C-alpha atoms as a PDB file:
ATOM      1  CA  MET A   1      -7.792-103.813-196.607  1.00  0.00           C
ATOM      2  CA  TYR A   2      -5.883-102.045-193.742  1.00  0.00           C
ATOM      3  CA  LEU A   3      -5.577-103.891-190.026  1.00  0.00           C
ATOM      4  CA  TYR A   4      -3.451-102.841-187.516  1.00  0.00           C
ATOM      5  CA  GLY A   5      -0.287-101.041-188.917  1.00  0.00           C
ATOM      6  CA  HIS A   6      -0.180-102.798-192.132  1.00  0.00           C
ATOM      7  CA  HIS A   7      -1.726-102.408-195.197  1.00  0.00           C
ATOM      8  CA  HIS A   8      -2.600-105.740-197.163  1.00  0.00           C
ATOM      9  CA  ARG A   9      -4.025-107.046-200.648  1.00  0.00           C
ATOM     10  CA  LEU A  10      -3.928-110.358-199.104  1.00  0.00           C
ATOM     11  CA  PRO A  11      -4.758-112.033-195.400  1.00  0.00           C
ATOM     12  CA  CYS A  12      -1.602-111.710-193.649  1.00  0.00           C
ATOM     13  CA  LEU A  13       0.268-114.563-192.023  1.00  0.00           C
ATOM     14  CA  ARG A  14       0.639-112.466-188.928  1.00  0.00           C
ATOM     15  CA  CYS A  15      -2.711-110.893-188.605  1.00  0.00           C
ATOM     16  CA  HIS A  16      -4.687-113.313-189.456  1.00  0.00           C
ATOM     17  CA  PRO A  17      -3.451-116.792-189.779  1.00  0.00           C
ATOM     18  CA  HIS A  18      -6.197-119.212-190.532  1.00  0.00           C
ATOM     19  CA  SER A  19      -7.537-117.179-193.288  1.00  0.00           C
ATOM     20  CA  TYR A  20      -3.816-116.895-195.091  1.00  0.00           C
ATOM     21  CA  ILE A  21      -3.180-120.786-194.464  1.00  0.00           C
ATOM     22  CA  ARG A  22      -6.934-121.453-196.302  1.00  0.00           C
ATOM     23  CA  MET A  23      -5.715-119.074-198.997  1.00  0.00           C
ATOM     24  CA  VAL A  24      -2.747-120.734-199.707  1.00  0.00           C
ATOM     25  CA  GLN A  25      -5.016-124.219-199.679  1.00  0.00           C
ATOM     26  CA  HIS A  26      -6.782-122.348-202.283  1.00  0.00           C
ATOM     27  CA  LEU A  27      -3.903-121.390-203.687  1.00  0.00           C
ATOM     28  CA  ILE A  28      -2.841-124.570-204.391  1.00  0.00           C
ATOM     29  CA  GLU A  29      -5.461-126.785-205.277  1.00  0.00           C
ATOM     30  CA  ARG A  30      -5.459-124.142-208.182  1.00  0.00           C
ATOM     31  CA  CYS A  31      -1.787-125.094-208.834  1.00  0.00           C
ATOM     32  CA  LEU A  32      -3.534-129.043-208.903  1.00  0.00           C
ATOM     33  CA  LEU A  33      -5.961-128.257-211.453  1.00  0.00           C
ATOM     34  CA  LEU A  34      -3.118-126.393-214.030  1.00  0.00           C
ATOM     35  CA  HIS A  35      -1.181-129.762-213.303  1.00  0.00           C
ATOM     36  CA  MET A  36       1.863-128.068-211.889  1.00  0.00           C
ATOM     37  CA  SER A  37       4.321-130.154-210.307  1.00  0.00           C
ATOM     38  CA  ARG A  38       4.668-128.938-206.031  1.00  0.00           C
ATOM     39  CA  ASP A  39       8.134-126.617-207.233  1.00  0.00           C
ATOM     40  CA  GLN A  40       6.367-125.549-210.046  1.00  0.00           C
ATOM     41  CA  CYS A  41       3.486-124.408-207.570  1.00  0.00           C
ATOM     42  CA  VAL A  42       6.315-123.270-204.791  1.00  0.00           C
ATOM     43  CA  LYS A  43       7.927-121.050-206.899  1.00  0.00           C
ATOM     44  CA  ALA A  44       4.176-119.838-208.540  1.00  0.00           C
ATOM     45  CA  LEU A  45       3.101-119.186-205.042  1.00  0.00           C
ATOM     46  CA  ALA A  46       5.997-117.777-204.054  1.00  0.00           C
ATOM     47  CA  LYS A  47       6.836-114.935-207.449  1.00  0.00           C
ATOM     48  CA  HIS A  48       2.899-114.176-208.339  1.00  0.00           C
ATOM     49  CA  ALA A  49       1.520-114.677-204.363  1.00  0.00           C
ATOM     50  CA  SER A  50       4.469-114.298-202.254  1.00  0.00           C
ATOM     51  CA  VAL A  51       3.619-116.780-200.576  1.00  0.00           C
ATOM     52  CA  HIS A  52       7.124-118.074-198.513  1.00  0.00           C
ATOM     53  CA  PRO A  53       8.039-121.504-199.845  1.00  0.00           C
ATOM     54  CA  LEU A  54       8.260-122.802-196.660  1.00  0.00           C
ATOM     55  CA  VAL A  55       4.713-122.475-195.870  1.00  0.00           C
ATOM     56  CA  THR A  56       3.011-123.132-199.499  1.00  0.00           C
ATOM     57  CA  LEU A  57       5.771-126.632-198.307  1.00  0.00           C
ATOM     58  CA  THR A  58       4.106-126.931-195.135  1.00  0.00           C
ATOM     59  CA  VAL A  59       0.467-126.676-196.635  1.00  0.00           C
ATOM     60  CA  TRP A  60       1.208-128.850-199.274  1.00  0.00           C
ATOM     61  CA  ARG A  61       1.975-131.814-196.823  1.00  0.00           C
ATOM     62  CA  GLU A  62      -0.359-131.682-195.160  1.00  0.00           C
ATOM     63  CA  LEU A  63      -2.951-131.231-197.819  1.00  0.00           C
ATOM     64  CA  GLN A  64      -0.987-134.594-198.908  1.00  0.00           C
ATOM     65  CA  LYS A  65      -1.489-136.473-194.997  1.00  0.00           C
ATOM     66  CA  GLU A  66      -5.397-135.249-195.868  1.00  0.00           C
ATOM     67  CA  ASN A  67      -5.532-136.543-198.815  1.00  0.00           C
ATOM     68  CA  ARG A  68      -3.068-139.544-199.640  1.00  0.00           C
ATOM     69  CA  ASP A  69      -5.575-141.733-202.519  1.00  0.00           C
ATOM     70  CA  PHE A  70      -5.668-138.219-204.351  1.00  0.00           C
ATOM     71  CA  PHE A  71      -2.153-137.363-204.238  1.00  0.00           C
ATOM     72  CA  HIS A  72      -1.291-140.935-204.910  1.00  0.00           C
ATOM     73  CA  ALA A  73      -3.152-140.622-208.571  1.00  0.00           C
ATOM     74  CA  TYR A  74      -2.167-136.980-209.459  1.00  0.00           C
ATOM     75  CA  PHE A  75       1.702-137.781-209.022  1.00  0.00           C
ATOM     76  CA  HIS A  76       1.401-140.716-210.901  1.00  0.00           C
ATOM     77  CA  SER A  77      -1.243-138.812-214.173  1.00  0.00           C
ATOM     78  CA  ILE A  78       1.446-135.465-213.880  1.00  0.00           C
ATOM     79  CA  SER A  79       4.970-137.722-214.008  1.00  0.00           C
ATOM     80  CA  PRO A  80       6.980-137.076-216.797  1.00  0.00           C
ATOM     81  CA  ARG A  81       6.456-141.612-217.440  1.00  0.00           C
ATOM     82  CA  HIS A  82       3.032-141.527-217.354  1.00  0.00           C
ATOM     83  CA  PHE A  83       3.228-138.944-220.065  1.00  0.00           C
ATOM     84  CA  THR A  84       5.353-140.696-222.452  1.00  0.00           C
ATOM     85  CA  SER A  85       4.177-144.006-222.065  1.00  0.00           C
ATOM     86  CA  ARG A  86       0.370-141.956-222.942  1.00  0.00           C
ATOM     87  CA  ARG A  87       2.026-140.516-225.860  1.00  0.00           C
ATOM     88  CA  THR A  88       4.140-143.826-226.804  1.00  0.00           C
ATOM     89  CA  ARG A  89       0.148-145.500-227.129  1.00  0.00           C
ATOM     90  CA  ARG A  90      -1.131-142.865-228.886  1.00  0.00           C
ATOM     91  CA  VAL A  91       1.753-143.062-231.930  1.00  0.00           C
ATOM     92  CA  SER A  92       1.892-146.100-232.250  1.00  0.00           C
ATOM     93  CA  ARG A  93      -2.759-146.705-232.267  1.00  0.00           C
ATOM     94  CA  LEU A  94      -1.893-143.710-235.154  1.00  0.00           C
ATOM     95  CA  THR A  95       0.991-146.076-236.760  1.00  0.00           C
ATOM     96  CA  ARG A  96      -1.040-148.958-236.628  1.00  0.00           C
ATOM     97  CA  GLU A  97      -3.962-146.807-238.233  1.00  0.00           C
ATOM     98  CA  ILE A  98      -2.420-145.261-240.642  1.00  0.00           C
END
């Protein structure tokens, strides 16, 4: 896409801020589907989509404000403690079966 003297494959924050923020939101949602932490998401978007970390963090915070219950459950599900406790239960169940 060529607009206003800029050549961009993706929406430009300066040229189309609303489209750019929607794109970042969509990319964050894809990171969530991959069970990535906030920091992993920030790094992935910076590396693969050239999204400035501050933009990702700002959009993440807004999504978190609008979806408190979802993020509370999400953080619980990806926490290392949650994985460890699930793994411990699974191992103890297997041990009992043997």
